[in-house]
Amino acid sequence: MSLSLHLETRLKPFTQAPSWRWFSILTCLLAGFALFLLSLIFVPLPNLWQGIFPADAPFLAGTALPLKIDYSPQLLAYAFLFCTLGVRWASLVYSVLLLTALFFPVFAEGGSWQFWLSPSFAYVLGSFFAFMVTAQKWQFLLKFTHSKANRTLPEKQFFALGKRSPLRLWLQGAMLALWTLFTLHFFGALGLAVLVLFQQMTFFEATQWCLTHTVYPFPYDYLGILLILWGTRTWRMLFRFFLYSPEKPKTPTLELS
């Protein structure tokens, strides 16, 4: 058996998203607690736009381009949550976090009722919608590519850019990651525009916020989400004890209706 075939056999049971089981509440609680812990972490990373954007670029509004950024991994944790746990589990955890944010600082930008009136809230809602759609679309693509039905299709379906080719799946993942970030930050930009319109922020403050939360971390966000999408089945296999059952998961039926 070739290495690729052996790997595909190992990953096959994890093509299907986890279903609700007796221990699912514990998994959701652990996931929510992990997201809270990640909100406390900021990783200093080099600003990859350094040397690309000219120092006198108009959108910099006269500010210096930082050499490093404080990157929060919480956004990638949201992508991991939705793609690995599935939409139903992840939506439950995310909804609980939104309610908890009324009283406690569970997000990287803080919490309490004031958080709901901050620019971050638009980004949070945008990520909720974007990751929910992304997870549903990606789960469908996984099932379509790795379902048993492809055994009966012509061989040209499996190679190059055939409809069920893994290479085509990776390319679709690259486009889906780009769509996710565009949608998320579109919601964020709308929130900033509303705050500027009602004079809760100046245009300069909104520009700086957009640079800090959208432009500077964009390369890391894109690469991280892309790796999460491509490795969805691998992450599920690694965390199978919390997602499927303590026993070896049975191979689910993957035929598309």
C-alpha atoms as a PDB file:
ATOM      1  CA  MET A   1       0.000   0.000   0.000  1.00  0.00           C
ATOM      2  CA  SER A   2       1.410   3.385  -1.021  1.00  0.00           C
ATOM      3  CA  LEU A   3       1.921   6.139   1.537  1.00  0.00           C
ATOM      4  CA  SER A   4      -0.770   8.355  -0.005  1.00  0.00           C
ATOM      5  CA  LEU A   5      -3.294   5.505  -0.066  1.00  0.00           C
ATOM      6  CA  HIS A   6      -2.465   4.562   3.521  1.00  0.00           C
ATOM      7  CA  LEU A   7      -2.906   8.188   4.620  1.00  0.00           C
ATOM      8  CA  GLU A   8      -6.208   8.476   2.768  1.00  0.00           C
ATOM      9  CA  THR A   9      -7.455   5.299   4.460  1.00  0.00           C
ATOM     10  CA  ARG A  10      -6.551   6.688   7.883  1.00  0.00           C
ATOM     11  CA  LEU A  11      -8.257  10.015   7.209  1.00  0.00           C
ATOM     12  CA  LYS A  12     -11.380   8.592   5.568  1.00  0.00           C
ATOM     13  CA  PRO A  13     -13.463   8.251   8.771  1.00  0.00           C
ATOM     14  CA  PHE A  14     -12.836  11.905   9.587  1.00  0.00           C
ATOM     15  CA  THR A  15     -14.255  13.315   6.366  1.00  0.00           C
ATOM     16  CA  GLN A  16     -17.646  13.475   8.070  1.00  0.00           C
ATOM     17  CA  ALA A  17     -18.101  16.276  10.620  1.00  0.00           C
ATOM     18  CA  PRO A  18     -18.595  15.120  14.243  1.00  0.00           C
ATOM     19  CA  SER A  19     -22.173  14.469  15.281  1.00  0.00           C
ATOM     20  CA  TRP A  20     -23.730  15.209  18.664  1.00  0.00           C
ATOM     21  CA  ARG A  21     -22.759  12.611  21.297  1.00  0.00           C
ATOM     22  CA  TRP A  22     -22.963  12.134  25.033  1.00  0.00           C
ATOM     23  CA  PHE A  23     -19.682  13.960  25.691  1.00  0.00           C
ATOM     24  CA  SER A  24     -20.266  16.840  23.265  1.00  0.00           C
ATOM     25  CA  ILE A  25     -21.075  19.354  26.028  1.00  0.00           C
ATOM     26  CA  LEU A  26     -17.672  18.704  27.604  1.00  0.00           C
ATOM     27  CA  THR A  27     -15.980  19.240  24.232  1.00  0.00           C
ATOM     28  CA  CYS A  28     -17.807  22.537  23.745  1.00  0.00           C
ATOM     29  CA  LEU A  29     -16.852  23.725  27.236  1.00  0.00           C
ATOM     30  CA  LEU A  30     -13.210  22.870  26.633  1.00  0.00           C
ATOM     31  CA  ALA A  31     -13.282  24.641  23.271  1.00  0.00           C
ATOM     32  CA  GLY A  32     -14.812  27.769  24.806  1.00  0.00           C
ATOM     33  CA  PHE A  33     -12.218  27.795  27.577  1.00  0.00           C
ATOM     34  CA  ALA A  34      -9.414  27.388  25.029  1.00  0.00           C
ATOM     35  CA  LEU A  35     -10.757  30.358  23.047  1.00  0.00           C
ATOM     36  CA  PHE A  36     -10.802  32.442  26.217  1.00  0.00           C
ATOM     37  CA  LEU A  37      -7.180  31.551  26.985  1.00  0.00           C
ATOM     38  CA  LEU A  38      -6.139  32.454  23.445  1.00  0.00           C
ATOM     39  CA  SER A  39      -7.687  35.895  23.899  1.00  0.00           C
ATOM     40  CA  LEU A  40      -4.964  36.582  26.471  1.00  0.00           C
ATOM     41  CA  ILE A  41      -2.119  35.724  24.085  1.00  0.00           C
ATOM     42  CA  PHE A  42      -0.468  38.139  21.657  1.00  0.00           C
ATOM     43  CA  VAL A  43       2.465  36.912  19.597  1.00  0.00           C
ATOM     44  CA  PRO A  44       4.979  39.504  18.301  1.00  0.00           C
ATOM     45  CA  LEU A  45       5.469  38.855  14.575  1.00  0.00           C
ATOM     46  CA  PRO A  46       7.329  40.790  11.876  1.00  0.00           C
ATOM     47  CA  ASN A  47       5.181  43.056   9.750  1.00  0.00           C
ATOM     48  CA  LEU A  48       5.390  41.448   6.311  1.00  0.00           C
ATOM     49  CA  TRP A  49       4.297  44.683   4.627  1.00  0.00           C
ATOM     50  CA  GLN A  50       7.523  46.329   5.705  1.00  0.00           C
ATOM     51  CA  GLY A  51       9.428  47.285   2.578  1.00  0.00           C
ATOM     52  CA  ILE A  52       6.344  46.761   0.374  1.00  0.00           C
ATOM     53  CA  PHE A  53       4.281  49.801   1.353  1.00  0.00           C
ATOM     54  CA  PRO A  54       6.067  53.124   0.811  1.00  0.00           C
ATOM     55  CA  ALA A  55       6.472  55.173   3.953  1.00  0.00           C
ATOM     56  CA  ASP A  56       4.558  58.092   2.377  1.00  0.00           C
ATOM     57  CA  ALA A  57       1.553  55.990   1.292  1.00  0.00           C
ATOM     58  CA  PRO A  58      -1.661  58.051   1.644  1.00  0.00           C
ATOM     59  CA  PHE A  59      -3.556  55.404   3.638  1.00  0.00           C
ATOM     60  CA  LEU A  60      -0.869  55.412   6.342  1.00  0.00           C
ATOM     61  CA  ALA A  61      -2.084  58.891   7.278  1.00  0.00           C
ATOM     62  CA  GLY A  62       1.394  60.042   8.169  1.00  0.00           C
ATOM     63  CA  THR A  63       2.106  57.233  10.642  1.00  0.00           C
ATOM     64  CA  ALA A  64       5.162  55.010  10.583  1.00  0.00           C
ATOM     65  CA  LEU A  65       4.803  51.426   9.395  1.00  0.00           C
ATOM     66  CA  PRO A  66       5.517  49.215  12.445  1.00  0.00           C
ATOM     67  CA  LEU A  67       8.304  46.687  12.235  1.00  0.00           C
ATOM     68  CA  LYS A  68       6.350  44.152  14.318  1.00  0.00           C
ATOM     69  CA  ILE A  69       2.712  43.487  15.116  1.00  0.00           C
ATOM     70  CA  ASP A  70       1.085  41.931  18.164  1.00  0.00           C
ATOM     71  CA  TYR A  71      -0.800  39.050  16.570  1.00  0.00           C
ATOM     72  CA  SER A  72      -3.718  37.398  18.341  1.00  0.00           C
ATOM     73  CA  PRO A  73      -4.276  33.732  17.353  1.00  0.00           C
ATOM     74  CA  GLN A  74      -7.938  33.911  18.365  1.00  0.00           C
ATOM     75  CA  LEU A  75      -9.150  34.466  14.799  1.00  0.00           C
ATOM     76  CA  LEU A  76      -7.401  31.282  13.669  1.00  0.00           C
ATOM     77  CA  ALA A  77      -8.942  29.513  16.646  1.00  0.00           C
ATOM     78  CA  TYR A  78     -12.391  30.489  15.344  1.00  0.00           C
ATOM     79  CA  ALA A  79     -11.557  28.979  11.955  1.00  0.00           C
ATOM     80  CA  PHE A  80     -10.255  25.845  13.657  1.00  0.00           C
ATOM     81  CA  LEU A  81     -13.402  25.646  15.779  1.00  0.00           C
ATOM     82  CA  PHE A  82     -15.832  25.818  12.859  1.00  0.00           C
ATOM     83  CA  CYS A  83     -13.897  23.609  10.437  1.00  0.00           C
ATOM     84  CA  THR A  84     -13.002  20.915  12.970  1.00  0.00           C
ATOM     85  CA  LEU A  85     -16.065  20.738  15.213  1.00  0.00           C
ATOM     86  CA  GLY A  86     -18.594  21.483  12.497  1.00  0.00           C
ATOM     87  CA  VAL A  87     -21.133  24.289  12.220  1.00  0.00           C
ATOM     88  CA  ARG A  88     -23.573  23.104  14.921  1.00  0.00           C
ATOM     89  CA  TRP A  89     -21.015  22.612  17.670  1.00  0.00           C
ATOM     90  CA  ALA A  90     -19.028  25.723  16.762  1.00  0.00           C
ATOM     91  CA  SER A  91     -22.133  27.933  16.538  1.00  0.00           C
ATOM     92  CA  LEU A  92     -23.119  26.871  20.047  1.00  0.00           C
ATOM     93  CA  VAL A  93     -19.670  27.702  21.448  1.00  0.00           C
ATOM     94  CA  TYR A  94     -19.519  31.018  19.591  1.00  0.00           C
ATOM     95  CA  SER A  95     -23.010  32.038  20.719  1.00  0.00           C
ATOM     96  CA  VAL A  96     -22.097  31.333  24.348  1.00  0.00           C
ATOM     97  CA  LEU A  97     -18.959  33.463  23.949  1.00  0.00           C
ATOM     98  CA  LEU A  98     -21.023  36.353  22.564  1.00  0.00           C
ATOM     99  CA  LEU A  99     -23.365  36.208  25.551  1.00  0.00           C
ATOM    100  CA  THR A 100     -20.467  35.875  27.971  1.00  0.00           C
ATOM    101  CA  ALA A 101     -18.877  38.964  26.403  1.00  0.00           C
ATOM    102  CA  LEU A 102     -21.696  40.988  27.998  1.00  0.00           C
ATOM    103  CA  PHE A 103     -20.005  40.510  31.356  1.00  0.00           C
ATOM    104  CA  PHE A 104     -16.447  39.217  30.863  1.00  0.00           C
ATOM    105  CA  PRO A 105     -13.509  40.009  28.510  1.00  0.00           C
ATOM    106  CA  VAL A 106     -13.549  36.768  26.512  1.00  0.00           C
ATOM    107  CA  PHE A 107     -12.319  38.262  23.240  1.00  0.00           C
ATOM    108  CA  ALA A 108      -8.876  39.549  22.358  1.00  0.00           C
ATOM    109  CA  GLU A 109     -10.200  43.134  22.324  1.00  0.00           C
ATOM    110  CA  GLY A 110     -11.969  42.791  25.674  1.00  0.00           C
ATOM    111  CA  GLY A 111     -15.564  42.293  26.785  1.00  0.00           C
ATOM    112  CA  SER A 112     -18.473  43.702  28.846  1.00  0.00           C
ATOM    113  CA  TRP A 113     -21.389  45.637  27.371  1.00  0.00           C
ATOM    114  CA  GLN A 114     -19.014  48.317  26.089  1.00  0.00           C
ATOM    115  CA  PHE A 115     -17.473  45.731  23.798  1.00  0.00           C
ATOM    116  CA  TRP A 116     -20.763  45.472  21.910  1.00  0.00           C
ATOM    117  CA  LEU A 117     -20.416  49.174  21.035  1.00  0.00           C
ATOM    118  CA  SER A 118     -16.777  48.932  19.974  1.00  0.00           C
ATOM    119  CA  PRO A 119     -15.359  48.451  16.454  1.00  0.00           C
ATOM    120  CA  SER A 120     -14.338  44.904  17.424  1.00  0.00           C
ATOM    121  CA  PHE A 121     -17.959  43.791  17.669  1.00  0.00           C
ATOM    122  CA  ALA A 122     -18.465  44.175  13.902  1.00  0.00           C
ATOM    123  CA  TYR A 123     -15.410  41.983  13.325  1.00  0.00           C
ATOM    124  CA  VAL A 124     -16.765  39.365  15.726  1.00  0.00           C
ATOM    125  CA  LEU A 125     -20.138  39.239  13.976  1.00  0.00           C
ATOM    126  CA  GLY A 126     -18.412  39.141  10.623  1.00  0.00           C
ATOM    127  CA  SER A 127     -16.236  36.225  11.674  1.00  0.00           C
ATOM    128  CA  PHE A 128     -19.328  34.378  12.975  1.00  0.00           C
ATOM    129  CA  PHE A 129     -21.070  34.652   9.616  1.00  0.00           C
ATOM    130  CA  ALA A 130     -17.958  34.089   7.489  1.00  0.00           C
ATOM    131  CA  PHE A 131     -16.740  30.990   9.328  1.00  0.00           C
ATOM    132  CA  MET A 132     -20.224  29.502   9.481  1.00  0.00           C
ATOM    133  CA  VAL A 133     -20.582  29.710   5.687  1.00  0.00           C
ATOM    134  CA  THR A 134     -16.985  28.598   5.134  1.00  0.00           C
ATOM    135  CA  ALA A 135     -17.348  25.532   7.351  1.00  0.00           C
ATOM    136  CA  GLN A 136     -20.538  24.442   5.572  1.00  0.00           C
ATOM    137  CA  LYS A 137     -19.019  24.944   2.130  1.00  0.00           C
ATOM    138  CA  TRP A 138     -15.750  23.218   3.046  1.00  0.00           C
ATOM    139  CA  GLN A 139     -17.541  20.241   4.597  1.00  0.00           C
ATOM    140  CA  PHE A 140     -19.497  19.769   1.385  1.00  0.00           C
ATOM    141  CA  LEU A 141     -16.314  19.956  -0.705  1.00  0.00           C
ATOM    142  CA  LEU A 142     -14.605  17.395   1.553  1.00  0.00           C
ATOM    143  CA  LYS A 143     -17.497  14.962   1.213  1.00  0.00           C
ATOM    144  CA  PHE A 144     -17.726  15.522  -2.526  1.00  0.00           C
ATOM    145  CA  THR A 145     -14.018  14.911  -3.049  1.00  0.00           C
ATOM    146  CA  HIS A 146     -13.529  11.969  -0.681  1.00  0.00           C
ATOM    147  CA  SER A 147     -16.899  10.196  -0.915  1.00  0.00           C
ATOM    148  CA  LYS A 148     -17.179   6.582  -2.048  1.00  0.00           C
ATOM    149  CA  ALA A 149     -18.974   7.736  -5.164  1.00  0.00           C
ATOM    150  CA  ASN A 150     -15.691   8.720  -6.773  1.00  0.00           C
ATOM    151  CA  ARG A 151     -14.705   5.058  -7.085  1.00  0.00           C
ATOM    152  CA  THR A 152     -17.164   4.628  -9.950  1.00  0.00           C
ATOM    153  CA  LEU A 153     -16.344   7.806 -11.836  1.00  0.00           C
ATOM    154  CA  PRO A 154     -14.012   8.004 -14.837  1.00  0.00           C
ATOM    155  CA  GLU A 155     -10.338   8.229 -13.905  1.00  0.00           C
ATOM    156  CA  LYS A 156     -10.039  11.731 -15.339  1.00  0.00           C
ATOM    157  CA  GLN A 157     -12.127  12.916 -12.371  1.00  0.00           C
ATOM    158  CA  PHE A 158      -9.259  12.100  -9.980  1.00  0.00           C
ATOM    159  CA  PHE A 159      -6.300  13.716 -11.710  1.00  0.00           C
ATOM    160  CA  ALA A 160      -5.162  17.248 -12.507  1.00  0.00           C
ATOM    161  CA  LEU A 161      -8.171  19.541 -12.056  1.00  0.00           C
ATOM    162  CA  GLY A 162     -10.922  16.936 -12.247  1.00  0.00           C
ATOM    163  CA  LYS A 163     -14.081  17.607 -10.269  1.00  0.00           C
ATOM    164  CA  ARG A 164     -13.030  15.257  -7.463  1.00  0.00           C
ATOM    165  CA  SER A 165      -9.312  15.876  -7.626  1.00  0.00           C
ATOM    166  CA  PRO A 166      -7.555  16.714  -4.308  1.00  0.00           C
ATOM    167  CA  LEU A 167      -5.621  19.386  -6.207  1.00  0.00           C
ATOM    168  CA  ARG A 168      -8.883  21.041  -7.183  1.00  0.00           C
ATOM    169  CA  LEU A 169      -9.974  20.825  -3.543  1.00  0.00           C
ATOM    170  CA  TRP A 170      -6.801  22.634  -2.434  1.00  0.00           C
ATOM    171  CA  LEU A 171      -7.372  25.384  -4.992  1.00  0.00           C
ATOM    172  CA  GLN A 172     -10.961  25.762  -3.817  1.00  0.00           C
ATOM    173  CA  GLY A 173      -9.646  25.989  -0.264  1.00  0.00           C
ATOM    174  CA  ALA A 174      -7.302  28.813  -1.297  1.00  0.00           C
ATOM    175  CA  MET A 175     -10.215  30.749  -2.785  1.00  0.00           C
ATOM    176  CA  LEU A 176     -12.478  29.973   0.161  1.00  0.00           C
ATOM    177  CA  ALA A 177      -9.904  31.283   2.645  1.00  0.00           C
ATOM    178  CA  LEU A 178      -9.687  34.505   0.636  1.00  0.00           C
ATOM    179  CA  TRP A 179     -13.482  34.841   0.574  1.00  0.00           C
ATOM    180  CA  THR A 180     -13.624  34.272   4.333  1.00  0.00           C
ATOM    181  CA  LEU A 181     -11.224  37.092   5.099  1.00  0.00           C
ATOM    182  CA  PHE A 182     -12.903  39.429   2.615  1.00  0.00           C
ATOM    183  CA  THR A 183     -16.330  38.816   4.182  1.00  0.00           C
ATOM    184  CA  LEU A 184     -15.059  39.125   7.733  1.00  0.00           C
ATOM    185  CA  HIS A 185     -13.285  42.407   7.130  1.00  0.00           C
ATOM    186  CA  PHE A 186     -16.136  43.753   5.014  1.00  0.00           C
ATOM    187  CA  PHE A 187     -18.342  43.489   8.121  1.00  0.00           C
ATOM    188  CA  GLY A 188     -15.578  45.150  10.123  1.00  0.00           C
ATOM    189  CA  ALA A 189     -15.298  47.998   7.617  1.00  0.00           C
ATOM    190  CA  LEU A 190     -19.072  48.538   7.763  1.00  0.00           C
ATOM    191  CA  GLY A 191     -18.889  48.755  11.543  1.00  0.00           C
ATOM    192  CA  LEU A 192     -16.093  51.322  11.323  1.00  0.00           C
ATOM    193  CA  ALA A 193     -18.067  53.327   8.767  1.00  0.00           C
ATOM    194  CA  VAL A 194     -21.107  53.428  11.062  1.00  0.00           C
ATOM    195  CA  LEU A 195     -19.007  54.627  13.998  1.00  0.00           C
ATOM    196  CA  VAL A 196     -17.415  57.338  11.856  1.00  0.00           C
ATOM    197  CA  LEU A 197     -20.835  58.355  10.515  1.00  0.00           C
ATOM    198  CA  PHE A 198     -22.207  58.791  14.039  1.00  0.00           C
ATOM    199  CA  GLN A 199     -19.000  60.539  15.120  1.00  0.00           C
ATOM    200  CA  GLN A 200     -17.978  57.859  17.600  1.00  0.00           C
ATOM    201  CA  MET A 201     -14.588  57.631  15.869  1.00  0.00           C
ATOM    202  CA  THR A 202     -12.592  59.971  13.707  1.00  0.00           C
ATOM    203  CA  PHE A 203     -11.628  58.964  10.192  1.00  0.00           C
ATOM    204  CA  PHE A 204      -7.988  58.858  11.285  1.00  0.00           C
ATOM    205  CA  GLU A 205      -8.813  56.459  14.158  1.00  0.00           C
ATOM    206  CA  ALA A 206     -10.851  54.242  11.819  1.00  0.00           C
ATOM    207  CA  THR A 207      -7.972  54.144   9.339  1.00  0.00           C
ATOM    208  CA  GLN A 208      -5.501  53.133  12.019  1.00  0.00           C
ATOM    209  CA  TRP A 209      -7.901  50.490  13.319  1.00  0.00           C
ATOM    210  CA  CYS A 210      -8.297  49.041   9.832  1.00  0.00           C
ATOM    211  CA  LEU A 211      -4.542  48.933   9.326  1.00  0.00           C
ATOM    212  CA  THR A 212      -3.953  47.220  12.673  1.00  0.00           C
ATOM    213  CA  HIS A 213      -6.780  44.680  12.441  1.00  0.00           C
ATOM    214  CA  THR A 214      -7.062  44.061   8.704  1.00  0.00           C
ATOM    215  CA  VAL A 215      -4.006  45.007   6.667  1.00  0.00           C
ATOM    216  CA  TYR A 216      -1.061  44.142   8.910  1.00  0.00           C
ATOM    217  CA  PRO A 217      -2.230  40.671  10.069  1.00  0.00           C
ATOM    218  CA  PHE A 218      -3.732  39.713   6.683  1.00  0.00           C
ATOM    219  CA  PRO A 219      -0.840  37.459   5.471  1.00  0.00           C
ATOM    220  CA  TYR A 220      -0.842  35.515   8.749  1.00  0.00           C
ATOM    221  CA  ASP A 221      -4.632  35.251   8.786  1.00  0.00           C
ATOM    222  CA  TYR A 222      -4.741  33.937   5.230  1.00  0.00           C
ATOM    223  CA  LEU A 223      -1.961  31.399   5.664  1.00  0.00           C
ATOM    224  CA  GLY A 224      -3.386  30.190   8.974  1.00  0.00           C
ATOM    225  CA  ILE A 225      -6.937  29.740   7.662  1.00  0.00           C
ATOM    226  CA  LEU A 226      -5.626  28.014   4.552  1.00  0.00           C
ATOM    227  CA  LEU A 227      -3.653  25.473   6.610  1.00  0.00           C
ATOM    228  CA  ILE A 228      -6.669  24.887   8.835  1.00  0.00           C
ATOM    229  CA  LEU A 229      -8.874  24.185   5.810  1.00  0.00           C
ATOM    230  CA  TRP A 230      -6.376  21.891   4.131  1.00  0.00           C
ATOM    231  CA  GLY A 231      -5.715  19.987   7.365  1.00  0.00           C
ATOM    232  CA  THR A 232      -9.321  19.688   8.577  1.00  0.00           C
ATOM    233  CA  ARG A 233      -9.408  15.890   8.508  1.00  0.00           C
ATOM    234  CA  THR A 234      -5.976  15.694  10.133  1.00  0.00           C
ATOM    235  CA  TRP A 235      -7.056  17.952  13.015  1.00  0.00           C
ATOM    236  CA  ARG A 236     -10.167  15.827  13.497  1.00  0.00           C
ATOM    237  CA  MET A 237      -8.052  12.704  13.622  1.00  0.00           C
ATOM    238  CA  LEU A 238      -5.715  14.237  16.224  1.00  0.00           C
ATOM    239  CA  PHE A 239      -8.646  15.324  18.418  1.00  0.00           C
ATOM    240  CA  ARG A 240     -10.828  12.286  17.667  1.00  0.00           C
ATOM    241  CA  PHE A 241     -11.226  11.411  21.346  1.00  0.00           C
ATOM    242  CA  PHE A 242     -13.064  14.714  21.942  1.00  0.00           C
ATOM    243  CA  LEU A 243     -14.948  14.784  18.631  1.00  0.00           C
ATOM    244  CA  TYR A 244     -16.144  11.285  17.858  1.00  0.00           C
ATOM    245  CA  SER A 245     -15.848   8.855  20.743  1.00  0.00           C
ATOM    246  CA  PRO A 246     -13.234   7.173  22.928  1.00  0.00           C
ATOM    247  CA  GLU A 247     -13.536   4.200  20.621  1.00  0.00           C
ATOM    248  CA  LYS A 248     -12.318   4.053  17.059  1.00  0.00           C
ATOM    249  CA  PRO A 249     -14.863   5.926  14.915  1.00  0.00           C
ATOM    250  CA  LYS A 250     -16.824   3.956  12.376  1.00  0.00           C
ATOM    251  CA  THR A 251     -16.518   4.942   8.760  1.00  0.00           C
ATOM    252  CA  PRO A 252     -19.572   7.106   7.995  1.00  0.00           C
ATOM    253  CA  THR A 253     -21.580   6.963   4.809  1.00  0.00           C
ATOM    254  CA  LEU A 254     -20.350   9.756   2.574  1.00  0.00           C
ATOM    255  CA  GLU A 255     -22.533   9.423  -0.492  1.00  0.00           C
ATOM    256  CA  LEU A 256     -24.051  12.701  -1.599  1.00  0.00           C
ATOM    257  CA  SER A 257     -27.763  12.825  -2.003  1.00  0.00           C
END
